[in-house]
């Protein structure tokens, strides 16, 4: 999936389709460098504190949030 998407990021959702994190190729590389293998569960390597916004948020509000972080 990671190679087929142009943004090179996977959004991870739970069984209820609630967003729980992201996975990038960098996350996978770091995990492999830290001796994880390809059987490592996603929740152990994914970013769970990703910056998110609602579809109802204004462009100004999103830009301000990004600058704050």
C-alpha atoms as a PDB file:
ATOM      1  CA  UNK A   1       0.000   0.000   0.000  1.00  0.00           C
ATOM      2  CA  UNK A   2       2.753   2.422   0.910  1.00  0.00           C
ATOM      3  CA  UNK A   3       4.409   2.131  -2.499  1.00  0.00           C
ATOM      4  CA  UNK A   4       1.170   2.517  -4.447  1.00  0.00           C
ATOM      5  CA  UNK A   5       0.032   5.771  -2.834  1.00  0.00           C
ATOM      6  CA  UNK A   6       1.482   9.065  -4.067  1.00  0.00           C
ATOM      7  CA  UNK A   7       1.577  10.682  -0.605  1.00  0.00           C
ATOM      8  CA  UNK A   8       3.681   7.815   0.834  1.00  0.00           C
ATOM      9  CA  UNK A   9       1.653   7.678   4.038  1.00  0.00           C
ATOM     10  CA  UNK A  10      -0.864   5.175   5.354  1.00  0.00           C
ATOM     11  CA  UNK A  11      -3.677   6.310   7.625  1.00  0.00           C
ATOM     12  CA  UNK A  12      -4.390   3.562  10.148  1.00  0.00           C
ATOM     13  CA  UNK A  13      -7.944   3.062  11.425  1.00  0.00           C
ATOM     14  CA  UNK A  14      -9.415   0.628  13.941  1.00  0.00           C
ATOM     15  CA  UNK A  15     -12.325  -1.794  13.407  1.00  0.00           C
ATOM     16  CA  UNK A  16     -14.776   1.083  13.892  1.00  0.00           C
ATOM     17  CA  UNK A  17     -12.920   3.120  11.216  1.00  0.00           C
ATOM     18  CA  UNK A  18     -11.672   5.553  13.854  1.00  0.00           C
ATOM     19  CA  UNK A  19      -8.300   7.128  12.994  1.00  0.00           C
ATOM     20  CA  UNK A  20      -5.548   5.777  15.256  1.00  0.00           C
ATOM     21  CA  UNK A  21      -2.280   6.745  13.554  1.00  0.00           C
ATOM     22  CA  UNK A  22      -0.037   6.953  10.514  1.00  0.00           C
ATOM     23  CA  UNK A  23       2.715   4.851   8.997  1.00  0.00           C
ATOM     24  CA  UNK A  24       5.376   6.200   6.638  1.00  0.00           C
ATOM     25  CA  UNK A  25       8.329   4.536   4.981  1.00  0.00           C
ATOM     26  CA  UNK A  26      10.483   6.406   7.507  1.00  0.00           C
ATOM     27  CA  UNK A  27       8.630   4.714  10.380  1.00  0.00           C
ATOM     28  CA  UNK A  28       9.325   1.329   8.813  1.00  0.00           C
ATOM     29  CA  UNK A  29      13.007   2.136   8.214  1.00  0.00           C
ATOM     30  CA  UNK A  30      13.440   3.289  11.829  1.00  0.00           C
ATOM     31  CA  UNK A  31      11.777   0.107  13.085  1.00  0.00           C
ATOM     32  CA  UNK A  32      14.087  -2.069  10.985  1.00  0.00           C
ATOM     33  CA  UNK A  33      17.149  -0.135  12.167  1.00  0.00           C
ATOM     34  CA  UNK A  34      15.952  -0.764  15.741  1.00  0.00           C
ATOM     35  CA  UNK A  35      15.904  -4.541  15.083  1.00  0.00           C
ATOM     36  CA  UNK A  36      12.184  -4.952  14.360  1.00  0.00           C
ATOM     37  CA  UNK A  37      11.289  -7.403  11.610  1.00  0.00           C
ATOM     38  CA  UNK A  38       8.595  -7.447   8.927  1.00  0.00           C
ATOM     39  CA  UNK A  39       6.265  -9.338  11.296  1.00  0.00           C
ATOM     40  CA  UNK A  40       6.203  -6.465  13.810  1.00  0.00           C
ATOM     41  CA  UNK A  41       2.666  -5.280  14.512  1.00  0.00           C
ATOM     42  CA  UNK A  42       1.738  -1.865  13.122  1.00  0.00           C
ATOM     43  CA  UNK A  43       0.767  -0.373  16.469  1.00  0.00           C
ATOM     44  CA  UNK A  44       4.359  -0.808  17.629  1.00  0.00           C
ATOM     45  CA  UNK A  45       5.815   1.404  14.902  1.00  0.00           C
ATOM     46  CA  UNK A  46       3.042   3.796  13.874  1.00  0.00           C
ATOM     47  CA  UNK A  47       2.812   7.440  14.850  1.00  0.00           C
ATOM     48  CA  UNK A  48      -0.124   7.726  17.244  1.00  0.00           C
ATOM     49  CA  UNK A  49       0.111  11.451  17.927  1.00  0.00           C
ATOM     50  CA  UNK A  50      -0.371  12.728  14.370  1.00  0.00           C
ATOM     51  CA  UNK A  51      -1.650  16.256  13.923  1.00  0.00           C
ATOM     52  CA  UNK A  52      -5.246  16.103  12.660  1.00  0.00           C
ATOM     53  CA  UNK A  53      -7.962  18.524  11.630  1.00  0.00           C
ATOM     54  CA  UNK A  54     -11.669  18.219  10.986  1.00  0.00           C
ATOM     55  CA  UNK A  55     -13.171  18.697   7.550  1.00  0.00           C
ATOM     56  CA  UNK A  56     -15.152  21.540   9.149  1.00  0.00           C
ATOM     57  CA  UNK A  57     -12.013  23.418  10.290  1.00  0.00           C
ATOM     58  CA  UNK A  58     -11.199  26.581   8.370  1.00  0.00           C
ATOM     59  CA  UNK A  59      -8.040  26.898   6.304  1.00  0.00           C
ATOM     60  CA  UNK A  60      -6.960  29.700   8.632  1.00  0.00           C
ATOM     61  CA  UNK A  61      -7.525  27.513  11.710  1.00  0.00           C
ATOM     62  CA  UNK A  62      -5.588  24.628  10.192  1.00  0.00           C
ATOM     63  CA  UNK A  63      -2.701  26.918   9.179  1.00  0.00           C
ATOM     64  CA  UNK A  64      -2.589  28.345  12.706  1.00  0.00           C
ATOM     65  CA  UNK A  65      -2.564  24.839  14.205  1.00  0.00           C
ATOM     66  CA  UNK A  66       0.319  23.791  11.971  1.00  0.00           C
ATOM     67  CA  UNK A  67       2.340  26.872  12.907  1.00  0.00           C
ATOM     68  CA  UNK A  68       1.732  26.248  16.624  1.00  0.00           C
ATOM     69  CA  UNK A  69       3.001  22.682  16.362  1.00  0.00           C
END
